[in-house]
Amino acid sequence: MIGALLRLLVWFVVLATLLSGCTPAIRFDEAATDRPIQTSSAPTAAGLDVPAPYRTPSPTPTTVPTPPPVPQAFALNLYQEGDFVPQYTFDWCVAASTQIMHNLMDDTGAGTWADRVQQGQLWEMARARSFNSFNGANPLGWAQVLTEVGMGPYAVVSIADYEEALQTAARAIARTDRPVGLVMWRGRHVWVMSGFESLGDPEQFPEFSVTGIRVQDPLYPYGSKQWGPSPAPNALLTPQQFATQFVVREPRRWSSDLPTGYMLVLPLAEA
C-alpha cells in the first residue's frame, strides 16, 4: 500500500517537472511590453534617393489672335434736297454738273448754285480750258474749272477695270467728302456720283465691293434713246444698271495721253 503511494507521488513530481519546462521564463504582460518591435526589412524612404514626384510643365500661355473684322454694309451719301440742278441746254451737262457738285459740298444750302446765267458762264469756262472737244467741254476742262472755282483739286483718271473704277470713285468720296465726276456714254455726257453703298468701309478695308451708286444726271428727265432713261436725282443704281451707261471712253472723241478706260473726274486729297 505504501509502495503504491510512493509510486504515485513520484509520478506527480515527474509530471510537475515536465510542466515546468514548458512554462515561459517571463510573464505574458512582460512579453507584450519588452519584446522588440519587428520592422520591415525594406529600406525607408529616407534611406533611398527617391526622385521628387514628376510634374507636368504648365503650357506656355498662347495669345489667341483677334479675328479680323468682317466687312459690313456701308453707305455714304452727300445728297441733300435741293442739290440737283438740271442742264438748261442739251450742251451744258458739264456746267450743270459743276453746279450740282458745288451744292453737294455745301452743307449749309445757303449758297446753292442753280442760276441759268451762272451755268452758261461755267460752260464757257470749261470749253475755254478744253481742246479737241468738238467745240464743247471735255473732262480735262471740267477738272480745271472745278479746281479754279475752289472745289478742287480734281484730276482726270482712266481705269481699265470696271470694278476697280467703282472702288476708286467710292474711295475718293469716302476720303474727301466730295463728289466724283462721271464721264458717260463713251465721252458724250457726264453725270455726278454723289454717294455709294458697299460691303465694307473703303477707309477700313483695302478690298471692298461697291453694291450701289448714287447718281445725278443733269439731263433728267430726258435721257437718251440710245443709252436709256435718265435716273431720277439721288437714284441708287446697282453696278449692273450703272454699267449700261457708264462705259469706256471712246478714244476718238478727243485726244489725250490717257489710256482707254472708265473715266472719272476724281477729287484729290488736299496736300
Protein backbone atom coordinates (compact mmCIF):
# COMPACT_ATOMS: atom_id res chain seq x y z
CA MET A 1 0.00 0.00 0.00
CA ILE A 2 2.78 2.34 0.99
CA GLY A 3 4.69 1.35 -2.12
CA ALA A 4 1.77 2.31 -4.29
CA LEU A 5 1.55 5.74 -2.70
CA LEU A 6 5.26 6.33 -3.22
CA ARG A 7 4.94 5.49 -6.94
CA LEU A 8 2.03 7.89 -7.29
CA LEU A 9 3.98 10.65 -5.60
CA VAL A 10 6.96 10.09 -7.89
CA TRP A 11 4.67 10.27 -10.93
CA PHE A 12 3.30 13.70 -9.78
CA VAL A 13 6.83 15.01 -9.28
CA VAL A 14 7.84 13.94 -12.76
CA LEU A 15 4.68 15.46 -14.23
CA ALA A 16 5.33 18.74 -12.41
CA THR A 17 8.88 18.82 -13.74
CA LEU A 18 7.69 18.37 -17.33
CA LEU A 19 5.09 21.07 -16.97
CA SER A 20 7.63 23.49 -15.58
CA GLY A 21 9.83 23.04 -18.66
CA CYS A 22 7.00 24.23 -20.93
CA THR A 23 6.27 27.37 -18.94
CA PRO A 24 7.75 30.66 -20.41
CA ALA A 25 10.55 32.25 -18.47
CA ILE A 26 8.74 35.60 -18.37
CA ARG A 27 5.19 36.66 -17.69
CA PHE A 28 2.81 37.36 -20.58
CA ASP A 29 2.47 41.02 -19.74
CA GLU A 30 6.24 41.38 -19.70
CA ALA A 31 6.49 39.74 -23.13
CA ALA A 32 3.93 42.13 -24.54
CA THR A 33 5.86 45.20 -23.37
CA ASP A 34 9.52 44.27 -23.61
CA ARG A 35 9.64 42.35 -26.89
CA PRO A 36 11.46 44.27 -29.68
CA ILE A 37 9.17 45.78 -32.32
CA GLN A 38 9.52 43.95 -35.61
CA THR A 39 10.15 46.30 -38.56
CA SER A 40 10.11 45.70 -42.24
CA SER A 41 13.37 44.72 -43.82
CA ALA A 42 12.60 47.11 -46.70
CA PRO A 43 14.64 50.33 -46.60
CA THR A 44 12.78 53.51 -45.64
CA ALA A 45 12.17 56.35 -48.00
CA ALA A 46 14.69 58.45 -46.10
CA GLY A 47 17.36 55.95 -46.94
CA LEU A 48 16.76 55.99 -50.73
CA ASP A 49 17.48 58.55 -53.46
CA VAL A 50 13.84 58.77 -54.46
CA PRO A 51 13.17 61.47 -57.13
CA ALA A 52 10.56 64.13 -56.46
CA PRO A 53 7.15 63.40 -57.91
CA TYR A 54 7.05 64.17 -61.69
CA ARG A 55 5.18 67.35 -62.52
CA THR A 56 3.83 68.09 -65.99
CA PRO A 57 5.16 71.51 -67.07
CA SER A 58 2.45 74.15 -67.36
CA PRO A 59 1.93 75.01 -71.04
CA THR A 60 3.12 78.44 -72.10
CA PRO A 61 0.07 80.69 -72.49
CA THR A 62 -0.61 81.41 -76.14
CA THR A 63 -2.21 84.60 -77.35
CA VAL A 64 -5.39 83.88 -79.24
CA PRO A 65 -5.30 86.11 -82.35
CA THR A 66 -8.15 88.55 -82.67
CA PRO A 67 -10.23 87.56 -85.69
CA PRO A 68 -10.05 90.11 -88.50
CA PRO A 69 -13.05 92.42 -88.79
CA VAL A 70 -15.77 91.26 -91.13
CA PRO A 71 -16.91 93.78 -93.79
CA GLN A 72 -20.33 95.17 -93.00
CA ALA A 73 -22.82 97.07 -95.13
CA PHE A 74 -21.70 100.68 -95.51
CA ALA A 75 -23.30 103.73 -97.10
CA LEU A 76 -22.27 107.33 -97.76
CA ASN A 77 -24.48 109.92 -99.47
CA LEU A 78 -23.63 113.60 -99.93
CA TYR A 79 -27.00 114.46 -101.43
CA GLN A 80 -29.50 116.78 -99.75
CA GLU A 81 -32.81 118.00 -101.09
CA GLY A 82 -32.24 120.91 -103.47
CA ASP A 83 -28.73 119.90 -104.58
CA PHE A 84 -29.84 118.78 -108.04
CA VAL A 85 -29.74 121.24 -110.94
CA PRO A 86 -30.90 120.41 -114.50
CA GLN A 87 -28.88 121.43 -117.51
CA TYR A 88 -30.65 124.29 -119.24
CA THR A 89 -29.48 123.28 -122.72
CA PHE A 90 -28.55 119.94 -124.17
CA ASP A 91 -24.90 121.10 -124.30
CA TRP A 92 -24.41 122.32 -120.74
CA CYS A 93 -24.07 118.99 -118.90
CA VAL A 94 -20.56 119.84 -117.61
CA ALA A 95 -21.69 123.24 -116.29
CA ALA A 96 -24.83 121.83 -114.65
CA SER A 97 -22.77 119.03 -113.09
CA THR A 98 -20.37 121.63 -111.72
CA GLN A 99 -23.29 123.38 -110.04
CA ILE A 100 -24.53 120.07 -108.62
CA MET A 101 -21.06 119.26 -107.27
CA HIS A 102 -20.84 122.63 -105.56
CA ASN A 103 -24.23 122.09 -103.91
CA LEU A 104 -23.24 118.61 -102.72
CA MET A 105 -20.21 120.10 -100.96
CA ASP A 106 -22.14 122.98 -99.41
CA ASP A 107 -23.84 121.62 -96.29
CA THR A 108 -25.49 124.93 -95.39
CA GLY A 109 -27.64 125.21 -98.51
CA ALA A 110 -27.26 128.98 -98.29
CA GLY A 111 -25.14 129.26 -101.40
CA THR A 112 -26.92 126.91 -103.78
CA TRP A 113 -25.77 127.19 -107.37
CA ALA A 114 -28.70 126.87 -109.75
CA ASP A 115 -28.77 130.06 -111.80
CA ARG A 116 -29.06 129.71 -115.57
CA VAL A 117 -26.72 132.63 -116.27
CA GLN A 118 -24.09 131.17 -113.98
CA GLN A 119 -24.47 127.78 -115.70
CA GLY A 120 -23.74 129.42 -119.04
CA GLN A 121 -20.65 131.10 -117.60
CA LEU A 122 -19.35 127.82 -116.20
CA TRP A 123 -19.88 126.23 -119.60
CA GLU A 124 -17.80 128.90 -121.30
CA MET A 125 -15.04 128.45 -118.70
CA ALA A 126 -14.92 124.70 -119.25
CA ARG A 127 -14.97 125.00 -123.03
CA ALA A 128 -12.14 127.57 -122.96
CA ARG A 129 -9.99 125.08 -121.00
CA SER A 130 -10.74 122.13 -123.26
CA PHE A 131 -9.26 121.03 -126.59
CA ASN A 132 -10.30 118.69 -129.38
CA SER A 133 -13.75 118.64 -127.81
CA PHE A 134 -15.90 119.27 -130.87
CA ASN A 135 -16.43 122.85 -129.71
CA GLY A 136 -17.59 121.61 -126.31
CA ALA A 137 -16.10 120.95 -122.88
CA ASN A 138 -14.04 117.86 -122.19
CA PRO A 139 -13.19 116.18 -118.84
CA LEU A 140 -9.83 117.96 -118.56
CA GLY A 141 -11.52 121.36 -118.87
CA TRP A 142 -14.14 120.24 -116.34
CA ALA A 143 -11.48 119.21 -113.79
CA GLN A 144 -9.66 122.51 -114.26
CA VAL A 145 -12.82 124.55 -113.68
CA LEU A 146 -13.65 122.59 -110.52
CA THR A 147 -10.19 123.33 -109.18
CA GLU A 148 -10.22 127.01 -110.15
CA VAL A 149 -13.60 127.79 -108.57
CA GLY A 150 -12.46 126.36 -105.23
CA MET A 151 -13.83 122.82 -105.26
CA GLY A 152 -10.58 121.08 -106.13
CA PRO A 153 -8.14 119.77 -106.59
CA TYR A 154 -9.62 117.44 -109.19
CA ALA A 155 -7.88 115.24 -111.75
CA VAL A 156 -8.98 113.08 -114.65
CA VAL A 157 -8.19 109.36 -114.42
CA SER A 158 -8.92 106.46 -116.76
CA ILE A 159 -9.21 102.96 -115.27
CA ALA A 160 -9.32 99.85 -117.41
CA ASP A 161 -11.25 97.61 -114.97
CA TYR A 162 -14.89 98.37 -114.18
CA GLU A 163 -14.87 97.09 -110.59
CA GLU A 164 -11.67 98.97 -109.88
CA ALA A 165 -13.20 102.16 -111.29
CA LEU A 166 -16.16 101.86 -108.91
CA GLN A 167 -13.85 101.22 -105.96
CA THR A 168 -11.65 104.18 -106.91
CA ALA A 169 -14.63 106.52 -107.09
CA ALA A 170 -16.12 105.29 -103.79
CA ARG A 171 -12.77 105.51 -102.00
CA ALA A 172 -12.27 109.10 -103.23
CA ILE A 173 -15.69 110.16 -101.91
CA ALA A 174 -15.03 108.49 -98.55
CA ARG A 175 -11.64 110.15 -98.18
CA THR A 176 -12.55 113.67 -99.32
CA ASP A 177 -16.33 114.04 -98.73
CA ARG A 178 -16.52 115.41 -102.27
CA PRO A 179 -18.38 114.05 -105.31
CA VAL A 180 -16.88 112.35 -108.35
CA GLY A 181 -17.45 113.38 -111.97
CA LEU A 182 -18.51 110.51 -114.25
CA VAL A 183 -17.80 110.50 -117.99
CA MET A 184 -20.75 108.65 -119.53
CA TRP A 185 -21.77 107.35 -122.96
CA ARG A 186 -18.18 106.90 -124.17
CA GLY A 187 -17.46 110.57 -123.50
CA ARG A 188 -20.66 112.14 -124.83
CA HIS A 189 -22.26 113.05 -121.49
CA VAL A 190 -21.42 113.49 -117.80
CA TRP A 191 -23.08 112.60 -114.51
CA VAL A 192 -22.14 113.15 -110.88
CA MET A 193 -21.56 110.36 -108.38
CA SER A 194 -22.85 111.72 -105.07
CA GLY A 195 -22.56 108.60 -102.90
CA PHE A 196 -22.43 104.83 -102.81
CA GLU A 197 -23.26 101.71 -100.88
CA SER A 198 -20.71 98.97 -100.32
CA LEU A 199 -19.84 95.84 -98.42
CA GLY A 200 -17.08 97.22 -96.23
CA ASP A 201 -15.96 100.74 -95.37
CA PRO A 202 -13.40 101.86 -98.00
CA GLU A 203 -11.41 103.59 -95.25
CA GLN A 204 -11.14 100.33 -93.27
CA PHE A 205 -10.93 97.62 -95.92
CA PRO A 206 -8.47 97.84 -98.82
CA GLU A 207 -10.66 95.36 -100.65
CA PHE A 208 -14.38 96.10 -100.61
CA SER A 209 -17.21 95.72 -103.08
CA VAL A 210 -19.43 98.54 -104.32
CA THR A 211 -23.06 97.43 -104.29
CA GLY A 212 -24.81 100.68 -105.21
CA ILE A 213 -24.01 104.01 -106.89
CA ARG A 214 -25.81 107.29 -106.11
CA VAL A 215 -26.02 109.43 -109.24
CA GLN A 216 -27.17 112.82 -110.51
CA ASP A 217 -27.88 113.07 -114.25
CA PRO A 218 -28.36 116.76 -115.19
CA LEU A 219 -30.25 115.65 -118.30
CA TYR A 220 -33.10 114.21 -116.19
CA PRO A 221 -35.88 113.57 -117.13
CA TYR A 222 -34.99 113.34 -120.83
CA GLY A 223 -32.43 110.57 -121.09
CA SER A 224 -31.31 109.09 -124.39
CA LYS A 225 -32.90 106.81 -126.96
CA GLN A 226 -29.58 105.04 -127.39
CA TRP A 227 -28.40 104.85 -123.79
CA GLY A 228 -31.65 104.72 -121.88
CA PRO A 229 -33.63 106.91 -119.48
CA SER A 230 -32.06 109.34 -117.06
CA PRO A 231 -32.20 108.16 -113.45
CA ALA A 232 -34.02 110.44 -111.04
CA PRO A 233 -31.92 112.69 -108.79
CA ASN A 234 -30.29 110.73 -105.96
CA ALA A 235 -31.17 107.41 -107.61
CA LEU A 236 -29.32 104.35 -106.32
CA LEU A 237 -28.22 102.12 -109.20
CA THR A 238 -26.81 98.64 -108.97
CA PRO A 239 -23.43 98.10 -110.66
CA GLN A 240 -25.27 96.20 -113.40
CA GLN A 241 -27.67 99.08 -114.05
CA PHE A 242 -24.91 101.64 -113.94
CA ALA A 243 -22.82 99.67 -116.43
CA THR A 244 -25.39 100.17 -119.18
CA GLN A 245 -24.45 103.87 -119.42
CA PHE A 246 -21.05 104.09 -117.73
CA VAL A 247 -18.81 102.55 -120.36
CA VAL A 248 -15.23 103.03 -121.52
CA ARG A 249 -14.39 106.34 -123.10
CA GLU A 250 -14.36 106.41 -126.89
CA PRO A 251 -10.73 107.25 -127.81
CA ARG A 252 -11.77 109.12 -130.94
CA ARG A 253 -13.83 111.69 -129.05
CA TRP A 254 -10.81 113.77 -128.05
CA SER A 255 -7.04 113.44 -127.86
CA SER A 256 -5.23 112.86 -124.59
CA ASP A 257 -2.45 110.79 -123.13
CA LEU A 258 -4.89 108.80 -121.01
CA PRO A 259 -5.47 105.17 -121.91
CA THR A 260 -8.87 103.91 -122.91
CA GLY A 261 -10.93 103.06 -119.85
CA TYR A 262 -13.67 104.11 -117.48
CA MET A 263 -13.10 107.82 -116.96
CA LEU A 264 -13.52 109.68 -113.68
CA VAL A 265 -13.06 113.30 -112.69
CA LEU A 266 -11.66 112.49 -109.29
CA PRO A 267 -11.35 114.64 -106.14
CA LEU A 268 -7.86 114.55 -104.69
CA ALA A 269 -6.98 114.87 -101.03
CA GLU A 270 -5.62 118.27 -100.05
CA ALA A 271 -1.82 118.35 -99.94
